[in-house]
Every structure is written in structure tokens, then in C-alpha cells.
Amino acid sequence: MAKKILIETSARHIHLTEADLETLFGKGAKLTPKKDLSQPGQYACVERLDVVGPKKTIPNVSILGPTRPATQIEVSYTDARTLGLSAPVRESGDVAGSAGCKLVGPCGEVELTEGVIVAKRHIHLTPEAATEFGVSDKEIVSVKCAGKDRALTFGDVVVRVSPKFSPAMHIDTDEANAAAAFGEFYGEIIK
């Protein structure tokens, strides 16, 4: 029997640097955890921001903590079109040369020349889980989803391995809708 991987939907969100957090929310501002996420140490925050593109604004976008070395906004292709941006598909953290936008908070604004990406679909695995699945870090795989009424196979899925991870695949809202990946949803890794 094939081993299944949990598939989670990662909706639009923002990662902030300490400096941008202070500009947007005031000197000494700290992120307020609202809900723990499946990846250890990651959490959704009470604080939210407006993301402004050349075409439209998406209000009240979630911020994920903790802070990061670079500010990054992860959106779906649908969100990027709504904003009027041409956001590239990238792995988290790879923002060089990506789309820019403006972030608006209660205490200020940050104009970014880059940082907006469509997150590359990916699988988080511990080293032990990677061994069980027979995959390695940075390997590109496919994931077959036999969902109700909308079965499909996702290609170009990057495997990310770290002892800090919890096993799960992350897709954006456009991809979740395409697969009808709602509720507890699983896929099968295919090499």
C-alpha cells in the first residue's frame, strides 16, 4: 500500500523582518501568536496588513511568525492578477528579482521593490520521513491526489528535508481548488 502525505492549503500570507514589523506596527512591536501552524515554531499572528499592488489592494492579509531575514509575501496566481503583479513561482526565501508591492499597517507603510512570490508547491519532511518515502532534499517529485470528483497529479513538487519540519505538503489556494483538496486531504508521492 502506498504511503500517503498530508496536503495542506497555504493561503496568502506575509513574513516580515524585524525592521519592517517596527515600521508597520510601531517601535518595539512584536508579533502576537494567534494559532500554531503544523510546522514547528510557526504561527499565524493577530496582526494583519494590507497588500497594495498597482491594480488593487488585498486587505487584512495574515502575517506568519516568527520574523524572518527578508520580508516576503506569498500569494496565489489569482491574488497576483488581482494585485496587478507578475509574481514568479519560487521556493520560500528566494525573493531576488521577484515582484514588489506596498504593505500598509496601522503605523506606517513599507514599499518593497521585491518580495512577492507564488510559492512553489513543496513537501516538508523530517530526515526519517524522507527515508520512509525514499526521497531526498531538493528532489523533484509528483504527488497523485485521488480526491472526490477532481483527481489530479501535481508535478514539480520540491522535497525539503529538515529535522525542524513536520511531514506535510503545501499547496496554494488555486491548487487546492483545482484538486478539491478540502478538509483532511492526502496524496501519494510518485518519483
N, C-alpha and C. Protein backbone atom coordinates (compact mmCIF):
# COMPACT_ATOMS: atom_id res chain seq x y z
N MET A 1 0.84 -1.19 0.00
CA MET A 1 0.00 0.00 0.00
C MET A 1 0.88 1.25 0.00
N ALA A 2 0.54 2.23 -0.84
CA ALA A 2 1.33 3.45 -0.97
C ALA A 2 1.21 4.30 0.30
N LYS A 3 2.32 4.91 0.67
CA LYS A 3 2.34 5.79 1.83
C LYS A 3 1.81 7.17 1.42
N LYS A 4 0.93 7.72 2.22
CA LYS A 4 0.29 9.00 1.91
C LYS A 4 0.92 10.15 2.68
N ILE A 5 0.90 11.33 2.04
CA ILE A 5 1.39 12.55 2.67
C ILE A 5 0.21 13.52 2.85
N LEU A 6 0.12 14.12 4.02
CA LEU A 6 -0.90 15.12 4.30
C LEU A 6 -0.68 16.33 3.40
N ILE A 7 -1.75 16.82 2.78
CA ILE A 7 -1.66 18.00 1.93
C ILE A 7 -2.43 19.13 2.61
N GLU A 8 -1.72 20.25 2.84
CA GLU A 8 -2.32 21.41 3.50
C GLU A 8 -2.35 22.59 2.54
N THR A 9 -3.39 23.40 2.66
CA THR A 9 -3.50 24.60 1.85
C THR A 9 -2.86 25.77 2.58
N SER A 10 -1.95 26.43 1.89
CA SER A 10 -1.29 27.61 2.44
C SER A 10 -1.87 28.84 1.74
N ALA A 11 -2.75 29.55 2.43
CA ALA A 11 -3.38 30.74 1.86
C ALA A 11 -2.38 31.90 1.85
N ARG A 12 -2.74 32.97 1.16
CA ARG A 12 -1.86 34.15 1.07
C ARG A 12 -1.40 34.56 2.47
N HIS A 13 -0.14 34.96 2.57
CA HIS A 13 0.38 35.40 3.87
C HIS A 13 1.67 36.20 3.69
N ILE A 14 2.09 36.79 4.79
CA ILE A 14 3.26 37.67 4.81
C ILE A 14 4.24 37.21 5.87
N HIS A 15 5.53 37.25 5.54
CA HIS A 15 6.62 37.07 6.51
C HIS A 15 7.33 38.42 6.60
N LEU A 16 7.61 38.90 7.80
CA LEU A 16 8.22 40.22 7.98
C LEU A 16 9.59 40.15 8.63
N THR A 17 10.42 41.14 8.30
CA THR A 17 11.66 41.35 9.04
C THR A 17 11.32 42.14 10.30
N GLU A 18 12.22 42.15 11.27
CA GLU A 18 12.03 42.96 12.48
C GLU A 18 11.87 44.44 12.13
N ALA A 19 12.71 44.93 11.21
CA ALA A 19 12.67 46.36 10.84
C ALA A 19 11.33 46.72 10.21
N ASP A 20 10.85 45.89 9.27
CA ASP A 20 9.56 46.18 8.64
C ASP A 20 8.40 46.07 9.64
N LEU A 21 8.50 45.12 10.57
CA LEU A 21 7.48 44.98 11.63
C LEU A 21 7.37 46.28 12.42
N GLU A 22 8.51 46.87 12.79
CA GLU A 22 8.50 48.12 13.56
C GLU A 22 7.98 49.29 12.74
N THR A 23 8.32 49.35 11.45
CA THR A 23 7.82 50.42 10.59
C THR A 23 6.29 50.34 10.48
N LEU A 24 5.77 49.15 10.34
CA LEU A 24 4.34 48.95 10.11
C LEU A 24 3.49 49.02 11.38
N PHE A 25 4.07 48.58 12.52
CA PHE A 25 3.29 48.48 13.75
C PHE A 25 3.83 49.33 14.90
N GLY A 26 4.94 50.02 14.69
CA GLY A 26 5.48 50.89 15.73
C GLY A 26 6.73 50.33 16.39
N LYS A 27 7.54 51.24 16.92
CA LYS A 27 8.80 50.87 17.56
C LYS A 27 8.56 49.88 18.70
N GLY A 28 9.35 48.81 18.71
CA GLY A 28 9.24 47.79 19.75
C GLY A 28 8.13 46.79 19.51
N ALA A 29 7.44 46.88 18.37
CA ALA A 29 6.33 45.96 18.09
C ALA A 29 6.81 44.51 18.04
N LYS A 30 5.98 43.64 18.52
CA LYS A 30 6.23 42.19 18.48
C LYS A 30 5.01 41.51 17.88
N LEU A 31 5.22 40.39 17.20
CA LEU A 31 4.12 39.63 16.64
C LEU A 31 3.38 38.90 17.76
N THR A 32 2.06 38.87 17.66
CA THR A 32 1.22 38.21 18.66
C THR A 32 0.69 36.90 18.10
N PRO A 33 1.18 35.76 18.63
CA PRO A 33 0.69 34.47 18.12
C PRO A 33 -0.81 34.31 18.34
N LYS A 34 -1.50 33.87 17.28
CA LYS A 34 -2.94 33.61 17.34
C LYS A 34 -3.21 32.11 17.28
N LYS A 35 -2.46 31.41 16.39
CA LYS A 35 -2.70 29.99 16.18
C LYS A 35 -1.42 29.32 15.71
N ASP A 36 -1.05 28.21 16.35
CA ASP A 36 0.12 27.45 15.90
C ASP A 36 -0.19 26.78 14.57
N LEU A 37 0.83 26.72 13.70
CA LEU A 37 0.70 26.05 12.41
C LEU A 37 1.32 24.66 12.50
N SER A 38 1.16 23.88 11.46
CA SER A 38 1.65 22.49 11.50
C SER A 38 3.17 22.39 11.55
N GLN A 39 3.87 23.38 11.00
CA GLN A 39 5.33 23.35 11.05
C GLN A 39 5.79 23.90 12.39
N PRO A 40 6.60 23.14 13.12
CA PRO A 40 7.02 23.53 14.47
C PRO A 40 7.61 24.95 14.52
N GLY A 41 7.14 25.72 15.51
CA GLY A 41 7.65 27.07 15.72
C GLY A 41 6.99 28.13 14.85
N GLN A 42 6.15 27.74 13.91
CA GLN A 42 5.48 28.68 13.01
C GLN A 42 4.07 28.96 13.54
N TYR A 43 3.62 30.20 13.38
CA TYR A 43 2.29 30.55 13.89
C TYR A 43 1.67 31.68 13.07
N ALA A 44 0.34 31.67 13.02
CA ALA A 44 -0.42 32.78 12.46
C ALA A 44 -0.53 33.84 13.54
N CYS A 45 -0.50 35.10 13.12
CA CYS A 45 -0.49 36.22 14.07
C CYS A 45 -1.83 36.96 14.10
N VAL A 46 -2.03 37.65 15.20
CA VAL A 46 -3.20 38.52 15.34
C VAL A 46 -3.09 39.68 14.34
N GLU A 47 -1.89 40.21 14.18
CA GLU A 47 -1.65 41.37 13.31
C GLU A 47 -1.90 41.00 11.84
N ARG A 48 -2.40 41.99 11.09
CA ARG A 48 -2.66 41.82 9.66
C ARG A 48 -2.26 43.10 8.93
N LEU A 49 -2.05 42.95 7.62
CA LEU A 49 -1.64 44.09 6.79
C LEU A 49 -2.43 44.13 5.49
N ASP A 50 -2.44 45.31 4.88
CA ASP A 50 -2.98 45.44 3.53
C ASP A 50 -1.83 45.32 2.55
N VAL A 51 -2.04 44.56 1.48
CA VAL A 51 -1.05 44.41 0.42
C VAL A 51 -1.57 45.21 -0.78
N VAL A 52 -0.78 46.20 -1.21
CA VAL A 52 -1.19 47.10 -2.27
C VAL A 52 -0.36 46.85 -3.52
N GLY A 53 -1.05 46.56 -4.61
CA GLY A 53 -0.41 46.39 -5.91
C GLY A 53 -0.80 47.54 -6.82
N PRO A 54 -0.30 47.54 -8.06
CA PRO A 54 -0.63 48.61 -8.98
C PRO A 54 -2.10 48.63 -9.41
N LYS A 55 -2.78 47.49 -9.29
CA LYS A 55 -4.17 47.39 -9.75
C LYS A 55 -5.18 47.47 -8.60
N LYS A 56 -4.93 46.71 -7.53
CA LYS A 56 -5.87 46.65 -6.41
C LYS A 56 -5.13 46.41 -5.10
N THR A 57 -5.91 46.44 -4.00
CA THR A 57 -5.41 46.15 -2.66
C THR A 57 -6.10 44.91 -2.13
N ILE A 58 -5.34 44.04 -1.50
CA ILE A 58 -5.93 42.92 -0.77
C ILE A 58 -5.79 43.27 0.71
N PRO A 59 -6.92 43.51 1.39
CA PRO A 59 -6.86 43.95 2.80
C PRO A 59 -6.73 42.78 3.77
N ASN A 60 -6.25 43.10 4.97
CA ASN A 60 -6.23 42.16 6.11
C ASN A 60 -5.56 40.83 5.82
N VAL A 61 -4.36 40.87 5.24
CA VAL A 61 -3.63 39.65 4.92
C VAL A 61 -2.89 39.16 6.17
N SER A 62 -2.96 37.87 6.40
CA SER A 62 -2.33 37.24 7.58
C SER A 62 -0.81 37.40 7.56
N ILE A 63 -0.28 37.55 8.75
CA ILE A 63 1.17 37.55 8.95
C ILE A 63 1.51 36.26 9.67
N LEU A 64 2.59 35.60 9.23
CA LEU A 64 3.07 34.39 9.91
C LEU A 64 4.35 34.72 10.65
N GLY A 65 4.48 34.18 11.84
CA GLY A 65 5.68 34.39 12.65
C GLY A 65 6.46 33.11 12.77
N PRO A 66 7.67 33.22 13.26
CA PRO A 66 8.36 34.43 13.74
C PRO A 66 8.88 35.28 12.58
N THR A 67 9.55 36.41 12.92
CA THR A 67 10.11 37.27 11.89
C THR A 67 11.19 36.51 11.13
N ARG A 68 11.54 37.04 9.96
CA ARG A 68 12.49 36.39 9.05
C ARG A 68 13.56 37.39 8.61
N PRO A 69 14.62 36.87 7.96
CA PRO A 69 15.67 37.77 7.47
C PRO A 69 15.23 38.66 6.30
N ALA A 70 14.19 38.24 5.54
CA ALA A 70 13.70 39.04 4.41
C ALA A 70 12.17 39.05 4.46
N THR A 71 11.59 40.20 4.16
CA THR A 71 10.13 40.29 4.07
C THR A 71 9.69 39.61 2.78
N GLN A 72 8.65 38.81 2.89
CA GLN A 72 8.18 38.01 1.76
C GLN A 72 6.66 37.92 1.81
N ILE A 73 6.02 38.06 0.66
CA ILE A 73 4.57 37.93 0.55
C ILE A 73 4.31 36.75 -0.38
N GLU A 74 3.57 35.75 0.11
CA GLU A 74 3.24 34.58 -0.70
C GLU A 74 1.78 34.67 -1.10
N VAL A 75 1.54 34.64 -2.41
CA VAL A 75 0.20 34.76 -2.95
C VAL A 75 -0.04 33.65 -3.97
N SER A 76 -1.29 33.48 -4.38
CA SER A 76 -1.62 32.58 -5.48
C SER A 76 -1.52 33.39 -6.78
N TYR A 77 -1.56 32.69 -7.92
CA TYR A 77 -1.60 33.42 -9.19
C TYR A 77 -2.84 34.31 -9.27
N THR A 78 -3.96 33.84 -8.75
CA THR A 78 -5.18 34.64 -8.76
C THR A 78 -4.96 35.93 -7.97
N ASP A 79 -4.35 35.82 -6.79
CA ASP A 79 -4.04 37.02 -5.99
C ASP A 79 -3.12 37.97 -6.75
N ALA A 80 -2.09 37.42 -7.39
CA ALA A 80 -1.13 38.25 -8.13
C ALA A 80 -1.84 39.03 -9.24
N ARG A 81 -2.74 38.36 -9.96
CA ARG A 81 -3.51 39.05 -11.01
C ARG A 81 -4.40 40.13 -10.40
N THR A 82 -5.02 39.82 -9.27
CA THR A 82 -5.87 40.81 -8.60
C THR A 82 -5.05 42.05 -8.24
N LEU A 83 -3.85 41.84 -7.72
CA LEU A 83 -2.97 42.95 -7.34
C LEU A 83 -2.39 43.69 -8.54
N GLY A 84 -2.34 43.00 -9.71
CA GLY A 84 -1.73 43.58 -10.89
C GLY A 84 -0.24 43.33 -10.94
N LEU A 85 0.19 42.20 -10.35
CA LEU A 85 1.62 41.87 -10.27
C LEU A 85 1.95 40.63 -11.10
N SER A 86 3.20 40.56 -11.52
CA SER A 86 3.72 39.36 -12.18
C SER A 86 4.66 38.69 -11.20
N ALA A 87 4.10 37.86 -10.33
CA ALA A 87 4.89 37.20 -9.28
C ALA A 87 5.42 35.87 -9.80
N PRO A 88 6.71 35.60 -9.62
CA PRO A 88 7.29 34.34 -10.08
C PRO A 88 7.02 33.20 -9.09
N VAL A 89 7.05 31.96 -9.61
CA VAL A 89 6.98 30.79 -8.74
C VAL A 89 8.37 30.56 -8.17
N ARG A 90 8.46 30.54 -6.85
CA ARG A 90 9.76 30.40 -6.18
C ARG A 90 9.61 29.61 -4.89
N GLU A 91 10.74 29.05 -4.44
CA GLU A 91 10.78 28.47 -3.10
C GLU A 91 10.82 29.62 -2.10
N SER A 92 10.28 29.38 -0.92
CA SER A 92 10.28 30.37 0.14
C SER A 92 11.70 30.85 0.39
N GLY A 93 11.86 32.16 0.52
CA GLY A 93 13.16 32.75 0.77
C GLY A 93 13.88 33.22 -0.48
N ASP A 94 13.47 32.75 -1.65
CA ASP A 94 14.10 33.12 -2.92
C ASP A 94 13.32 34.29 -3.53
N VAL A 95 13.60 35.50 -3.06
CA VAL A 95 12.82 36.66 -3.49
C VAL A 95 13.59 37.60 -4.42
N ALA A 96 14.86 37.33 -4.68
CA ALA A 96 15.65 38.22 -5.54
C ALA A 96 15.00 38.36 -6.91
N GLY A 97 14.74 39.61 -7.31
CA GLY A 97 14.17 39.87 -8.62
C GLY A 97 12.68 39.55 -8.74
N SER A 98 12.02 39.28 -7.61
CA SER A 98 10.58 39.00 -7.64
C SER A 98 9.79 40.31 -7.69
N ALA A 99 8.48 40.19 -7.68
CA ALA A 99 7.61 41.38 -7.76
C ALA A 99 7.66 42.20 -6.47
N GLY A 100 7.37 43.48 -6.59
CA GLY A 100 7.30 44.37 -5.44
C GLY A 100 5.86 44.76 -5.14
N CYS A 101 5.65 45.37 -3.99
CA CYS A 101 4.32 45.85 -3.60
C CYS A 101 4.50 46.82 -2.44
N LYS A 102 3.39 47.34 -1.97
CA LYS A 102 3.41 48.18 -0.77
C LYS A 102 2.65 47.45 0.33
N LEU A 103 3.18 47.46 1.55
CA LEU A 103 2.49 46.93 2.72
C LEU A 103 2.05 48.12 3.56
N VAL A 104 0.79 48.09 4.00
CA VAL A 104 0.25 49.18 4.80
C VAL A 104 -0.21 48.64 6.14
N GLY A 105 0.34 49.21 7.21
CA GLY A 105 -0.02 48.83 8.57
C GLY A 105 -0.60 50.00 9.32
N PRO A 106 -0.93 49.82 10.59
CA PRO A 106 -1.54 50.89 11.38
C PRO A 106 -0.60 52.05 11.69
N CYS A 107 0.72 51.80 11.61
CA CYS A 107 1.67 52.86 11.98
C CYS A 107 2.58 53.30 10.84
N GLY A 108 2.43 52.69 9.68
CA GLY A 108 3.31 53.07 8.58
C GLY A 108 3.15 52.20 7.36
N GLU A 109 3.99 52.49 6.36
CA GLU A 109 3.98 51.75 5.10
C GLU A 109 5.39 51.33 4.75
N VAL A 110 5.48 50.21 4.02
CA VAL A 110 6.76 49.74 3.51
C VAL A 110 6.59 49.50 2.01
N GLU A 111 7.43 50.14 1.22
CA GLU A 111 7.42 49.96 -0.23
C GLU A 111 8.51 48.95 -0.57
N LEU A 112 8.11 47.79 -1.07
CA LEU A 112 9.06 46.73 -1.39
C LEU A 112 9.33 46.70 -2.89
N THR A 113 10.60 46.62 -3.26
CA THR A 113 10.96 46.50 -4.68
C THR A 113 10.93 45.04 -5.12
N GLU A 114 10.95 44.12 -4.15
CA GLU A 114 10.85 42.69 -4.41
C GLU A 114 10.32 42.00 -3.17
N GLY A 115 9.87 40.75 -3.32
CA GLY A 115 9.39 40.02 -2.15
C GLY A 115 8.09 39.27 -2.38
N VAL A 116 7.38 39.56 -3.49
CA VAL A 116 6.11 38.88 -3.75
C VAL A 116 6.35 37.68 -4.65
N ILE A 117 5.98 36.48 -4.16
CA ILE A 117 6.16 35.25 -4.92
C ILE A 117 4.90 34.40 -4.87
N VAL A 118 4.79 33.50 -5.83
CA VAL A 118 3.84 32.40 -5.77
C VAL A 118 4.68 31.23 -5.28
N ALA A 119 4.36 30.70 -4.11
CA ALA A 119 5.20 29.66 -3.51
C ALA A 119 5.19 28.39 -4.36
N LYS A 120 6.37 27.86 -4.62
CA LYS A 120 6.50 26.59 -5.33
C LYS A 120 5.90 25.51 -4.43
N ARG A 121 5.07 24.65 -5.00
CA ARG A 121 4.49 23.58 -4.18
C ARG A 121 5.63 22.73 -3.64
N HIS A 122 5.51 22.33 -2.38
CA HIS A 122 6.63 21.67 -1.72
C HIS A 122 6.14 20.71 -0.64
N ILE A 123 7.06 19.81 -0.26
CA ILE A 123 6.80 18.84 0.80
C ILE A 123 7.83 19.04 1.89
N HIS A 124 7.37 19.21 3.12
CA HIS A 124 8.24 19.26 4.30
C HIS A 124 8.37 17.84 4.84
N LEU A 125 9.60 17.37 5.04
CA LEU A 125 9.81 16.05 5.63
C LEU A 125 10.96 16.09 6.62
N THR A 126 10.84 15.30 7.67
CA THR A 126 11.98 15.06 8.56
C THR A 126 12.92 14.10 7.83
N PRO A 127 14.18 13.99 8.25
CA PRO A 127 15.07 13.01 7.62
C PRO A 127 14.51 11.58 7.69
N GLU A 128 13.87 11.24 8.80
CA GLU A 128 13.29 9.90 8.95
C GLU A 128 12.15 9.67 7.97
N ALA A 129 11.29 10.67 7.82
CA ALA A 129 10.16 10.55 6.89
C ALA A 129 10.67 10.50 5.45
N ALA A 130 11.71 11.26 5.13
CA ALA A 130 12.29 11.23 3.79
C ALA A 130 12.79 9.83 3.46
N THR A 131 13.42 9.18 4.44
CA THR A 131 13.88 7.81 4.25
C THR A 131 12.70 6.88 4.01
N GLU A 132 11.64 7.03 4.78
CA GLU A 132 10.44 6.20 4.61
C GLU A 132 9.83 6.36 3.21
N PHE A 133 9.80 7.61 2.72
CA PHE A 133 9.24 7.88 1.40
C PHE A 133 10.23 7.59 0.27
N GLY A 134 11.51 7.41 0.61
CA GLY A 134 12.53 7.13 -0.40
C GLY A 134 12.88 8.34 -1.24
N VAL A 135 12.86 9.53 -0.62
CA VAL A 135 13.19 10.78 -1.32
C VAL A 135 14.28 11.52 -0.57
N SER A 136 14.86 12.53 -1.23
CA SER A 136 15.92 13.31 -0.60
C SER A 136 15.67 14.80 -0.77
N ASP A 137 16.41 15.60 0.01
CA ASP A 137 16.27 17.04 0.00
C ASP A 137 16.50 17.60 -1.40
N LYS A 138 15.62 18.50 -1.83
CA LYS A 138 15.66 19.19 -3.13
C LYS A 138 15.26 18.30 -4.30
N GLU A 139 14.88 17.06 -4.04
CA GLU A 139 14.40 16.19 -5.12
C GLU A 139 13.05 16.72 -5.62
N ILE A 140 12.82 16.59 -6.91
CA ILE A 140 11.55 17.00 -7.51
C ILE A 140 10.73 15.74 -7.76
N VAL A 141 9.50 15.73 -7.23
CA VAL A 141 8.61 14.57 -7.34
C VAL A 141 7.24 15.03 -7.85
N SER A 142 6.35 14.07 -8.04
CA SER A 142 4.95 14.34 -8.33
C SER A 142 4.13 13.80 -7.17
N VAL A 143 2.93 14.34 -7.00
CA VAL A 143 2.05 13.86 -5.94
C VAL A 143 0.67 13.63 -6.55
N LYS A 144 0.23 12.37 -6.47
CA LYS A 144 -1.06 11.97 -7.03
C LYS A 144 -2.14 12.16 -5.97
N CYS A 145 -3.19 12.88 -6.36
CA CYS A 145 -4.31 13.16 -5.47
C CYS A 145 -5.56 12.51 -6.05
N ALA A 146 -6.12 11.58 -5.32
CA ALA A 146 -7.32 10.89 -5.78
C ALA A 146 -8.53 11.46 -5.08
N GLY A 147 -8.67 12.76 -5.13
CA GLY A 147 -9.78 13.44 -4.46
C GLY A 147 -11.10 13.16 -5.13
N LYS A 148 -12.15 13.43 -4.40
CA LYS A 148 -13.50 13.23 -4.91
C LYS A 148 -13.80 14.19 -6.05
N ASP A 149 -14.11 13.66 -7.19
CA ASP A 149 -14.54 14.41 -8.38
C ASP A 149 -13.44 15.20 -9.09
N ARG A 150 -12.26 15.37 -8.49
CA ARG A 150 -11.23 16.20 -9.13
C ARG A 150 -9.85 15.61 -8.97
N ALA A 151 -9.69 14.33 -9.25
CA ALA A 151 -8.39 13.68 -9.14
C ALA A 151 -7.39 14.37 -10.07
N LEU A 152 -6.18 14.56 -9.57
CA LEU A 152 -5.11 15.11 -10.41
C LEU A 152 -3.77 14.77 -9.81
N THR A 153 -2.72 14.99 -10.60
CA THR A 153 -1.36 14.77 -10.12
C THR A 153 -0.60 16.08 -10.22
N PHE A 154 -0.05 16.53 -9.08
CA PHE A 154 0.79 17.72 -9.06
C PHE A 154 2.21 17.32 -9.46
N GLY A 155 2.77 18.00 -10.45
CA GLY A 155 4.16 17.79 -10.83
C GLY A 155 5.02 18.90 -10.25
N ASP A 156 6.33 18.77 -10.42
CA ASP A 156 7.27 19.80 -9.99
C ASP A 156 7.15 20.16 -8.51
N VAL A 157 7.03 19.14 -7.68
CA VAL A 157 6.93 19.35 -6.23
C VAL A 157 8.33 19.17 -5.63
N VAL A 158 8.83 20.19 -4.95
CA VAL A 158 10.16 20.10 -4.37
C VAL A 158 10.07 19.52 -2.96
N VAL A 159 10.98 18.59 -2.66
CA VAL A 159 11.06 17.98 -1.34
C VAL A 159 12.05 18.80 -0.51
N ARG A 160 11.64 19.17 0.70
CA ARG A 160 12.52 19.90 1.61
C ARG A 160 12.65 19.07 2.89
N VAL A 161 13.89 18.76 3.25
CA VAL A 161 14.13 17.87 4.39
C VAL A 161 14.89 18.62 5.48
N SER A 162 14.34 18.54 6.70
CA SER A 162 14.98 19.15 7.87
C SER A 162 14.43 18.49 9.13
N PRO A 163 15.27 18.32 10.16
CA PRO A 163 14.76 17.80 11.42
C PRO A 163 13.78 18.77 12.10
N LYS A 164 13.71 20.02 11.61
CA LYS A 164 12.80 21.02 12.18
C LYS A 164 11.40 20.94 11.58
N PHE A 165 11.20 20.10 10.56
CA PHE A 165 9.91 20.03 9.87
C PHE A 165 8.99 18.98 10.45
N SER A 166 7.71 19.13 10.10
CA SER A 166 6.69 18.12 10.35
C SER A 166 6.18 17.69 8.97
N PRO A 167 6.05 16.40 8.68
CA PRO A 167 5.68 15.95 7.34
C PRO A 167 4.34 16.51 6.85
N ALA A 168 4.39 17.25 5.74
CA ALA A 168 3.19 17.78 5.10
C ALA A 168 3.59 18.40 3.76
N MET A 169 2.66 18.34 2.81
CA MET A 169 2.83 19.04 1.54
C MET A 169 2.04 20.34 1.61
N HIS A 170 2.59 21.41 1.02
CA HIS A 170 1.89 22.69 1.00
C HIS A 170 1.60 23.11 -0.44
N ILE A 171 0.33 23.47 -0.67
CA ILE A 171 -0.12 23.99 -1.95
C ILE A 171 -0.87 25.29 -1.69
N ASP A 172 -1.02 26.12 -2.72
CA ASP A 172 -1.75 27.37 -2.52
C ASP A 172 -3.24 27.18 -2.78
N THR A 173 -4.00 28.23 -2.61
CA THR A 173 -5.46 28.12 -2.72
C THR A 173 -5.92 27.78 -4.13
N ASP A 174 -5.23 28.28 -5.15
CA ASP A 174 -5.60 27.91 -6.53
C ASP A 174 -5.44 26.41 -6.72
N GLU A 175 -4.33 25.87 -6.24
CA GLU A 175 -4.06 24.43 -6.39
C GLU A 175 -5.04 23.60 -5.58
N ALA A 176 -5.37 24.06 -4.37
CA ALA A 176 -6.34 23.34 -3.54
C ALA A 176 -7.70 23.29 -4.21
N ASN A 177 -8.12 24.38 -4.80
CA ASN A 177 -9.40 24.40 -5.50
C ASN A 177 -9.38 23.47 -6.71
N ALA A 178 -8.26 23.43 -7.44
CA ALA A 178 -8.16 22.56 -8.62
C ALA A 178 -8.31 21.08 -8.24
N ALA A 179 -7.82 20.72 -7.05
CA ALA A 179 -7.87 19.31 -6.61
C ALA A 179 -9.03 19.03 -5.66
N ALA A 180 -9.84 20.05 -5.36
CA ALA A 180 -10.89 19.92 -4.34
C ALA A 180 -10.28 19.37 -3.05
N ALA A 181 -9.12 19.92 -2.69
CA ALA A 181 -8.37 19.46 -1.52
C ALA A 181 -8.86 20.19 -0.27
N PHE A 182 -10.01 19.77 0.22
CA PHE A 182 -10.62 20.42 1.37
C PHE A 182 -10.63 19.47 2.55
N GLY A 183 -10.53 20.03 3.76
CA GLY A 183 -10.51 19.19 4.96
C GLY A 183 -9.22 18.40 5.03
N GLU A 184 -9.28 17.24 5.66
CA GLU A 184 -8.10 16.38 5.75
C GLU A 184 -7.91 15.69 4.41
N PHE A 185 -6.79 15.97 3.75
CA PHE A 185 -6.59 15.54 2.37
C PHE A 185 -5.18 14.96 2.21
N TYR A 186 -5.05 13.87 1.48
CA TYR A 186 -3.77 13.19 1.34
C TYR A 186 -3.44 12.93 -0.12
N GLY A 187 -2.15 12.81 -0.41
CA GLY A 187 -1.68 12.45 -1.74
C GLY A 187 -0.59 11.41 -1.63
N GLU A 188 -0.24 10.84 -2.78
CA GLU A 188 0.78 9.80 -2.86
C GLU A 188 1.99 10.34 -3.64
N ILE A 189 3.17 10.27 -3.02
CA ILE A 189 4.40 10.75 -3.67
C ILE A 189 4.79 9.74 -4.76
N ILE A 190 5.03 10.28 -5.97
CA ILE A 190 5.45 9.46 -7.10
C ILE A 190 6.78 9.99 -7.60
N LYS A 191 7.76 9.11 -7.73
CA LYS A 191 9.08 9.53 -8.20
C LYS A 191 9.18 9.44 -9.70
